[in-house]
Amino acid sequence: MTSEEVECAEKRMKQRWYDLVTAEQQGASLQTLDRMFNAYMLAVEEYNHCAERYLVEQAAAQHPETGSTVQKRKRRRKAS
């Protein structure tokens, strides 16, 4: 994961929010707003995932022992 990928995910998230707010101001239907909100939340989740993965990879690169321990803990948490 690169910082550019994280930035791209952040831009997508911000764009989805902007689109949602603009649609609401223009009187979009509740169904449309709900769909747009769901798309925004998916973008938020994607950004959070990318940012977390980037930070874990950076930590692993700086401190190989600590980074691998963090990744092992994350894998164990997901498995349970």
PDB file of N, CA and C in Angstrom:
ATOM      1  N   MET A   1       0.859  -1.169   0.000  1.00  0.00           N
ATOM      2  CA  MET A   1       0.000   0.000   0.000  1.00  0.00           C
ATOM      3  C   MET A   1       0.903   1.229   0.000  1.00  0.00           C
ATOM      4  N   THR A   2       0.632   2.153  -0.910  1.00  0.00           N
ATOM      5  CA  THR A   2       1.441   3.368  -0.995  1.00  0.00           C
ATOM      6  C   THR A   2       0.646   4.556  -0.468  1.00  0.00           C
ATOM      7  N   SER A   3       1.365   5.627  -0.171  1.00  0.00           N
ATOM      8  CA  SER A   3       0.680   6.836   0.299  1.00  0.00           C
ATOM      9  C   SER A   3      -0.236   7.393  -0.793  1.00  0.00           C
ATOM     10  N   GLU A   4       0.129   7.178  -2.058  1.00  0.00           N
ATOM     11  CA  GLU A   4      -0.713   7.635  -3.161  1.00  0.00           C
ATOM     12  C   GLU A   4      -2.048   6.888  -3.171  1.00  0.00           C
ATOM     13  N   GLU A   5      -2.015   5.592  -2.868  1.00  0.00           N
ATOM     14  CA  GLU A   5      -3.256   4.815  -2.816  1.00  0.00           C
ATOM     15  C   GLU A   5      -4.149   5.282  -1.672  1.00  0.00           C
ATOM     16  N   VAL A   6      -3.538   5.618  -0.549  1.00  0.00           N
ATOM     17  CA  VAL A   6      -4.302   6.140   0.587  1.00  0.00           C
ATOM     18  C   VAL A   6      -4.915   7.491   0.219  1.00  0.00           C
ATOM     19  N   GLU A   7      -4.135   8.342  -0.423  1.00  0.00           N
ATOM     20  CA  GLU A   7      -4.638   9.648  -0.844  1.00  0.00           C
ATOM     21  C   GLU A   7      -5.788   9.508  -1.835  1.00  0.00           C
ATOM     22  N   CYS A   8      -5.668   8.559  -2.735  1.00  0.00           N
ATOM     23  CA  CYS A   8      -6.723   8.317  -3.719  1.00  0.00           C
ATOM     24  C   CYS A   8      -8.006   7.865  -3.023  1.00  0.00           C
ATOM     25  N   ALA A   9      -7.884   6.983  -2.052  1.00  0.00           N
ATOM     26  CA  ALA A   9      -9.058   6.522  -1.291  1.00  0.00           C
ATOM     27  C   ALA A   9      -9.680   7.681  -0.512  1.00  0.00           C
ATOM     28  N   GLU A  10      -8.829   8.555   0.022  1.00  0.00           N
ATOM     29  CA  GLU A  10      -9.337   9.725   0.748  1.00  0.00           C
ATOM     30  C   GLU A  10     -10.088  10.667  -0.192  1.00  0.00           C
ATOM     31  N   LYS A  11      -9.553  10.876  -1.374  1.00  0.00           N
ATOM     32  CA  LYS A  11     -10.221  11.740  -2.353  1.00  0.00           C
ATOM     33  C   LYS A  11     -11.581  11.173  -2.759  1.00  0.00           C
ATOM     34  N   ARG A  12     -11.631   9.838  -2.974  1.00  0.00           N
ATOM     35  CA  ARG A  12     -12.911   9.204  -3.309  1.00  0.00           C
ATOM     36  C   ARG A  12     -13.926   9.396  -2.187  1.00  0.00           C
ATOM     37  N   MET A  13     -13.476   9.217  -0.953  1.00  0.00           N
ATOM     38  CA  MET A  13     -14.355   9.385   0.196  1.00  0.00           C
ATOM     39  C   MET A  13     -14.887  10.821   0.255  1.00  0.00           C
ATOM     40  N   LYS A  14     -14.004  11.788   0.109  1.00  0.00           N
ATOM     41  CA  LYS A  14     -14.417  13.196   0.159  1.00  0.00           C
ATOM     42  C   LYS A  14     -15.358  13.540  -0.993  1.00  0.00           C
ATOM     43  N   GLN A  15     -15.097  12.978  -2.172  1.00  0.00           N
ATOM     44  CA  GLN A  15     -15.959  13.242  -3.323  1.00  0.00           C
ATOM     45  C   GLN A  15     -17.352  12.674  -3.099  1.00  0.00           C
ATOM     46  N   ARG A  16     -17.424  11.476  -2.532  1.00  0.00           N
ATOM     47  CA  ARG A  16     -18.740  10.878  -2.227  1.00  0.00           C
ATOM     48  C   ARG A  16     -19.509  11.756  -1.241  1.00  0.00           C
ATOM     49  N   TRP A  17     -18.809  12.300  -0.236  1.00  0.00           N
ATOM     50  CA  TRP A  17     -19.471  13.178   0.731  1.00  0.00           C
ATOM     51  C   TRP A  17     -19.970  14.446   0.034  1.00  0.00           C
ATOM     52  N   TYR A  18     -19.121  15.042  -0.785  1.00  0.00           N
ATOM     53  CA  TYR A  18     -19.504  16.257  -1.509  1.00  0.00           C
ATOM     54  C   TYR A  18     -20.720  15.987  -2.389  1.00  0.00           C
ATOM     55  N   ASP A  19     -20.703  14.871  -3.107  1.00  0.00           N
ATOM     56  CA  ASP A  19     -21.826  14.513  -3.974  1.00  0.00           C
ATOM     57  C   ASP A  19     -23.114  14.339  -3.172  1.00  0.00           C
ATOM     58  N   LEU A  20     -22.999  13.713  -2.007  1.00  0.00           N
ATOM     59  CA  LEU A  20     -24.160  13.501  -1.152  1.00  0.00           C
ATOM     60  C   LEU A  20     -24.733  14.825  -0.659  1.00  0.00           C
ATOM     61  N   VAL A  21     -23.883  15.700  -0.183  1.00  0.00           N
ATOM     62  CA  VAL A  21     -24.335  16.999   0.321  1.00  0.00           C
ATOM     63  C   VAL A  21     -24.965  17.814  -0.802  1.00  0.00           C
ATOM     64  N   THR A  22     -24.340  17.819  -1.955  1.00  0.00           N
ATOM     65  CA  THR A  22     -24.874  18.553  -3.103  1.00  0.00           C
ATOM     66  C   THR A  22     -26.242  18.016  -3.511  1.00  0.00           C
ATOM     67  N   ALA A  23     -26.374  16.705  -3.551  1.00  0.00           N
ATOM     68  CA  ALA A  23     -27.652  16.092  -3.929  1.00  0.00           C
ATOM     69  C   ALA A  23     -28.743  16.461  -2.922  1.00  0.00           C
ATOM     70  N   GLU A  24     -28.394  16.463  -1.647  1.00  0.00           N
ATOM     71  CA  GLU A  24     -29.368  16.824  -0.609  1.00  0.00           C
ATOM     72  C   GLU A  24     -29.815  18.277  -0.775  1.00  0.00           C
ATOM     73  N   GLN A  25     -28.874  19.162  -1.051  1.00  0.00           N
ATOM     74  CA  GLN A  25     -29.188  20.577  -1.240  1.00  0.00           C
ATOM     75  C   GLN A  25     -30.052  20.802  -2.472  1.00  0.00           C
ATOM     76  N   GLN A  26     -29.920  19.920  -3.461  1.00  0.00           N
ATOM     77  CA  GLN A  26     -30.693  20.056  -4.692  1.00  0.00           C
ATOM     78  C   GLN A  26     -32.023  19.318  -4.622  1.00  0.00           C
ATOM     79  N   GLY A  27     -32.336  18.745  -3.461  1.00  0.00           N
ATOM     80  CA  GLY A  27     -33.637  18.118  -3.262  1.00  0.00           C
ATOM     81  C   GLY A  27     -33.781  16.718  -3.822  1.00  0.00           C
ATOM     82  N   ALA A  28     -32.715  15.955  -3.819  1.00  0.00           N
ATOM     83  CA  ALA A  28     -32.777  14.573  -4.318  1.00  0.00           C
ATOM     84  C   ALA A  28     -33.729  13.750  -3.444  1.00  0.00           C
ATOM     85  N   SER A  29     -34.260  12.695  -4.010  1.00  0.00           N
ATOM     86  CA  SER A  29     -35.183  11.825  -3.280  1.00  0.00           C
ATOM     87  C   SER A  29     -34.462  11.119  -2.133  1.00  0.00           C
ATOM     88  N   LEU A  30     -35.241  10.676  -1.151  1.00  0.00           N
ATOM     89  CA  LEU A  30     -34.657   9.954  -0.022  1.00  0.00           C
ATOM     90  C   LEU A  30     -33.990   8.662  -0.476  1.00  0.00           C
ATOM     91  N   GLN A  31     -34.565   8.017  -1.463  1.00  0.00           N
ATOM     92  CA  GLN A  31     -33.975   6.780  -1.988  1.00  0.00           C
ATOM     93  C   GLN A  31     -32.592   7.063  -2.585  1.00  0.00           C
ATOM     94  N   THR A  32     -32.488   8.134  -3.334  1.00  0.00           N
ATOM     95  CA  THR A  32     -31.204   8.511  -3.932  1.00  0.00           C
ATOM     96  C   THR A  32     -30.202   8.879  -2.853  1.00  0.00           C
ATOM     97  N   LEU A  33     -30.647   9.650  -1.873  1.00  0.00           N
ATOM     98  CA  LEU A  33     -29.752  10.050  -0.782  1.00  0.00           C
ATOM     99  C   LEU A  33     -29.280   8.832   0.008  1.00  0.00           C
ATOM    100  N   ASP A  34     -30.173   7.897   0.233  1.00  0.00           N
ATOM    101  CA  ASP A  34     -29.811   6.686   0.957  1.00  0.00           C
ATOM    102  C   ASP A  34     -28.759   5.899   0.183  1.00  0.00           C
ATOM    103  N   ARG A  35     -28.951   5.760  -1.118  1.00  0.00           N
ATOM    104  CA  ARG A  35     -27.981   5.057  -1.958  1.00  0.00           C
ATOM    105  C   ARG A  35     -26.630   5.766  -1.933  1.00  0.00           C
ATOM    106  N   MET A  36     -26.664   7.089  -2.014  1.00  0.00           N
ATOM    107  CA  MET A  36     -25.422   7.868  -2.006  1.00  0.00           C
ATOM    108  C   MET A  36     -24.722   7.787  -0.645  1.00  0.00           C
ATOM    109  N   PHE A  37     -25.516   7.763   0.422  1.00  0.00           N
ATOM    110  CA  PHE A  37     -24.930   7.633   1.753  1.00  0.00           C
ATOM    111  C   PHE A  37     -24.245   6.277   1.896  1.00  0.00           C
ATOM    112  N   ASN A  38     -24.883   5.229   1.381  1.00  0.00           N
ATOM    113  CA  ASN A  38     -24.269   3.896   1.431  1.00  0.00           C
ATOM    114  C   ASN A  38     -22.956   3.870   0.651  1.00  0.00           C
ATOM    115  N   ALA A  39     -22.921   4.533  -0.488  1.00  0.00           N
ATOM    116  CA  ALA A  39     -21.688   4.607  -1.281  1.00  0.00           C
ATOM    117  C   ALA A  39     -20.611   5.371  -0.508  1.00  0.00           C
ATOM    118  N   TYR A  40     -21.016   6.434   0.183  1.00  0.00           N
ATOM    119  CA  TYR A  40     -20.072   7.191   0.999  1.00  0.00           C
ATOM    120  C   TYR A  40     -19.506   6.313   2.114  1.00  0.00           C
ATOM    121  N   MET A  41     -20.368   5.559   2.796  1.00  0.00           N
ATOM    122  CA  MET A  41     -19.906   4.708   3.889  1.00  0.00           C
ATOM    123  C   MET A  41     -18.950   3.628   3.387  1.00  0.00           C
ATOM    124  N   LEU A  42     -19.194   3.092   2.215  1.00  0.00           N
ATOM    125  CA  LEU A  42     -18.260   2.133   1.637  1.00  0.00           C
ATOM    126  C   LEU A  42     -16.906   2.789   1.366  1.00  0.00           C
ATOM    127  N   ALA A  43     -16.945   4.037   0.905  1.00  0.00           N
ATOM    128  CA  ALA A  43     -15.702   4.771   0.655  1.00  0.00           C
ATOM    129  C   ALA A  43     -14.962   5.048   1.963  1.00  0.00           C
ATOM    130  N   VAL A  44     -15.701   5.343   3.033  1.00  0.00           N
ATOM    131  CA  VAL A  44     -15.084   5.548   4.346  1.00  0.00           C
ATOM    132  C   VAL A  44     -14.402   4.261   4.801  1.00  0.00           C
ATOM    133  N   GLU A  45     -15.091   3.134   4.663  1.00  0.00           N
ATOM    134  CA  GLU A  45     -14.512   1.850   5.058  1.00  0.00           C
ATOM    135  C   GLU A  45     -13.267   1.536   4.236  1.00  0.00           C
ATOM    136  N   GLU A  46     -13.328   1.823   2.943  1.00  0.00           N
ATOM    137  CA  GLU A  46     -12.169   1.582   2.087  1.00  0.00           C
ATOM    138  C   GLU A  46     -10.993   2.456   2.522  1.00  0.00           C
ATOM    139  N   TYR A  47     -11.266   3.726   2.798  1.00  0.00           N
ATOM    140  CA  TYR A  47     -10.202   4.628   3.244  1.00  0.00           C
ATOM    141  C   TYR A  47      -9.597   4.138   4.558  1.00  0.00           C
ATOM    142  N   ASN A  48     -10.445   3.783   5.519  1.00  0.00           N
ATOM    143  CA  ASN A  48      -9.948   3.302   6.808  1.00  0.00           C
ATOM    144  C   ASN A  48      -9.084   2.059   6.638  1.00  0.00           C
ATOM    145  N   HIS A  49      -9.523   1.150   5.790  1.00  0.00           N
ATOM    146  CA  HIS A  49      -8.759  -0.066   5.527  1.00  0.00           C
ATOM    147  C   HIS A  49      -7.400   0.271   4.906  1.00  0.00           C
ATOM    148  N   CYS A  50      -7.410   1.136   3.910  1.00  0.00           N
ATOM    149  CA  CYS A  50      -6.162   1.512   3.232  1.00  0.00           C
ATOM    150  C   CYS A  50      -5.206   2.216   4.193  1.00  0.00           C
ATOM    151  N   ALA A  51      -5.733   3.146   4.976  1.00  0.00           N
ATOM    152  CA  ALA A  51      -4.896   3.906   5.905  1.00  0.00           C
ATOM    153  C   ALA A  51      -4.293   2.985   6.965  1.00  0.00           C
ATOM    154  N   GLU A  52      -5.107   2.074   7.490  1.00  0.00           N
ATOM    155  CA  GLU A  52      -4.608   1.148   8.508  1.00  0.00           C
ATOM    156  C   GLU A  52      -3.536   0.232   7.917  1.00  0.00           C
ATOM    157  N   ARG A  53      -3.811  -0.291   6.743  1.00  0.00           N
ATOM    158  CA  ARG A  53      -2.848  -1.184   6.088  1.00  0.00           C
ATOM    159  C   ARG A  53      -1.539  -0.451   5.802  1.00  0.00           C
ATOM    160  N   TYR A  54      -1.642   0.792   5.353  1.00  0.00           N
ATOM    161  CA  TYR A  54      -0.451   1.597   5.075  1.00  0.00           C
ATOM    162  C   TYR A  54       0.371   1.782   6.352  1.00  0.00           C
ATOM    163  N   LEU A  55      -0.295   2.113   7.465  1.00  0.00           N
ATOM    164  CA  LEU A  55       0.419   2.330   8.721  1.00  0.00           C
ATOM    165  C   LEU A  55       1.077   1.049   9.221  1.00  0.00           C
ATOM    166  N   VAL A  56       0.392  -0.074   9.084  1.00  0.00           N
ATOM    167  CA  VAL A  56       0.971  -1.355   9.499  1.00  0.00           C
ATOM    168  C   VAL A  56       2.193  -1.674   8.651  1.00  0.00           C
ATOM    169  N   GLU A  57       2.092  -1.454   7.351  1.00  0.00           N
ATOM    170  CA  GLU A  57       3.222  -1.734   6.472  1.00  0.00           C
ATOM    171  C   GLU A  57       4.401  -0.813   6.769  1.00  0.00           C
ATOM    172  N   GLN A  58       4.108   0.448   7.076  1.00  0.00           N
ATOM    173  CA  GLN A  58       5.177   1.388   7.426  1.00  0.00           C
ATOM    174  C   GLN A  58       5.862   0.968   8.724  1.00  0.00           C
ATOM    175  N   ALA A  59       5.065   0.563   9.703  1.00  0.00           N
ATOM    176  CA  ALA A  59       5.630   0.112  10.978  1.00  0.00           C
ATOM    177  C   ALA A  59       6.486  -1.130  10.775  1.00  0.00           C
ATOM    178  N   ALA A  60       6.018  -2.043   9.922  1.00  0.00           N
ATOM    179  CA  ALA A  60       6.767  -3.269   9.654  1.00  0.00           C
ATOM    180  C   ALA A  60       8.092  -2.953   8.957  1.00  0.00           C
ATOM    181  N   ALA A  61       8.086  -1.975   8.091  1.00  0.00           N
ATOM    182  CA  ALA A  61       9.302  -1.609   7.373  1.00  0.00           C
ATOM    183  C   ALA A  61      10.318  -0.960   8.312  1.00  0.00           C
ATOM    184  N   GLN A  62       9.839  -0.185   9.291  1.00  0.00           N
ATOM    185  CA  GLN A  62      10.736   0.496  10.220  1.00  0.00           C
ATOM    186  C   GLN A  62      11.205  -0.418  11.344  1.00  0.00           C
ATOM    187  N   HIS A  63      10.312  -1.299  11.784  1.00  0.00           N
ATOM    188  CA  HIS A  63      10.614  -2.203  12.895  1.00  0.00           C
ATOM    189  C   HIS A  63      10.123  -3.599  12.522  1.00  0.00           C
ATOM    190  N   PRO A  64      10.905  -4.356  11.808  1.00  0.00           N
ATOM    191  CA  PRO A  64      10.446  -5.648  11.299  1.00  0.00           C
ATOM    192  C   PRO A  64       9.852  -6.574  12.366  1.00  0.00           C
ATOM    193  N   GLU A  65      10.422  -6.621  13.559  1.00  0.00           N
ATOM    194  CA  GLU A  65       9.889  -7.502  14.595  1.00  0.00           C
ATOM    195  C   GLU A  65       8.517  -7.032  15.052  1.00  0.00           C
ATOM    196  N   THR A  66       8.358  -5.751  15.309  1.00  0.00           N
ATOM    197  CA  THR A  66       7.090  -5.194  15.781  1.00  0.00           C
ATOM    198  C   THR A  66       6.023  -5.295  14.705  1.00  0.00           C
ATOM    199  N   GLY A  67       6.360  -4.967  13.477  1.00  0.00           N
ATOM    200  CA  GLY A  67       5.386  -5.000  12.397  1.00  0.00           C
ATOM    201  C   GLY A  67       4.808  -6.384  12.182  1.00  0.00           C
ATOM    202  N   SER A  68       5.657  -7.391  12.217  1.00  0.00           N
ATOM    203  CA  SER A  68       5.142  -8.744  12.007  1.00  0.00           C
ATOM    204  C   SER A  68       4.274  -9.175  13.178  1.00  0.00           C
ATOM    205  N   THR A  69       4.595  -8.725  14.386  1.00  0.00           N
ATOM    206  CA  THR A  69       3.766  -9.041  15.551  1.00  0.00           C
ATOM    207  C   THR A  69       2.399  -8.395  15.419  1.00  0.00           C
ATOM    208  N   VAL A  70       2.355  -7.167  14.974  1.00  0.00           N
ATOM    209  CA  VAL A  70       1.084  -6.466  14.781  1.00  0.00           C
ATOM    210  C   VAL A  70       0.252  -7.192  13.743  1.00  0.00           C
ATOM    211  N   GLN A  71       0.866  -7.601  12.629  1.00  0.00           N
ATOM    212  CA  GLN A  71       0.135  -8.298  11.585  1.00  0.00           C
ATOM    213  C   GLN A  71      -0.394  -9.643  12.081  1.00  0.00           C
ATOM    214  N   LYS A  72       0.396 -10.362  12.892  1.00  0.00           N
ATOM    215  CA  LYS A  72      -0.064 -11.639  13.432  1.00  0.00           C
ATOM    216  C   LYS A  72      -1.262 -11.431  14.345  1.00  0.00           C
ATOM    217  N   ARG A  73      -1.227 -10.382  15.169  1.00  0.00           N
ATOM    218  CA  ARG A  73      -2.357 -10.089  16.051  1.00  0.00           C
ATOM    219  C   ARG A  73      -3.600  -9.789  15.245  1.00  0.00           C
ATOM    220  N   LYS A  74      -3.456  -9.016  14.172  1.00  0.00           N
ATOM    221  CA  LYS A  74      -4.596  -8.658  13.334  1.00  0.00           C
ATOM    222  C   LYS A  74      -5.192  -9.927  12.712  1.00  0.00           C
ATOM    223  N   ARG A  75      -4.342 -10.830  12.251  1.00  0.00           N
ATOM    224  CA  ARG A  75      -4.828 -12.065  11.647  1.00  0.00           C
ATOM    225  C   ARG A  75      -5.588 -12.901  12.671  1.00  0.00           C
ATOM    226  N   ARG A  76      -5.065 -12.967  13.900  1.00  0.00           N
ATOM    227  CA  ARG A  76      -5.738 -13.727  14.935  1.00  0.00           C
ATOM    228  C   ARG A  76      -7.087 -13.133  15.265  1.00  0.00           C
ATOM    229  N   ARG A  77      -7.158 -11.794  15.323  1.00  0.00           N
ATOM    230  CA  ARG A  77      -8.428 -11.124  15.619  1.00  0.00           C
ATOM    231  C   ARG A  77      -9.456 -11.414  14.548  1.00  0.00           C
ATOM    232  N   LYS A  78      -9.068 -11.354  13.284  1.00  0.00           N
ATOM    233  CA  LYS A  78      -9.984 -11.594  12.177  1.00  0.00           C
ATOM    234  C   LYS A  78     -10.471 -13.044  12.179  1.00  0.00           C
ATOM    235  N   ALA A  79      -9.625 -13.964  12.589  1.00  0.00           N
ATOM    236  CA  ALA A  79      -9.982 -15.367  12.573  1.00  0.00           C
ATOM    237  C   ALA A  79     -11.029 -15.697  13.632  1.00  0.00           C
ATOM    238  N   SER A  80     -11.042 -14.969  14.718  1.00  0.00           N
ATOM    239  CA  SER A  80     -11.991 -15.283  15.795  1.00  0.00           C
ATOM    240  C   SER A  80     -13.345 -14.662  15.595  1.00  0.00           C
TER     241      SER A  80
END
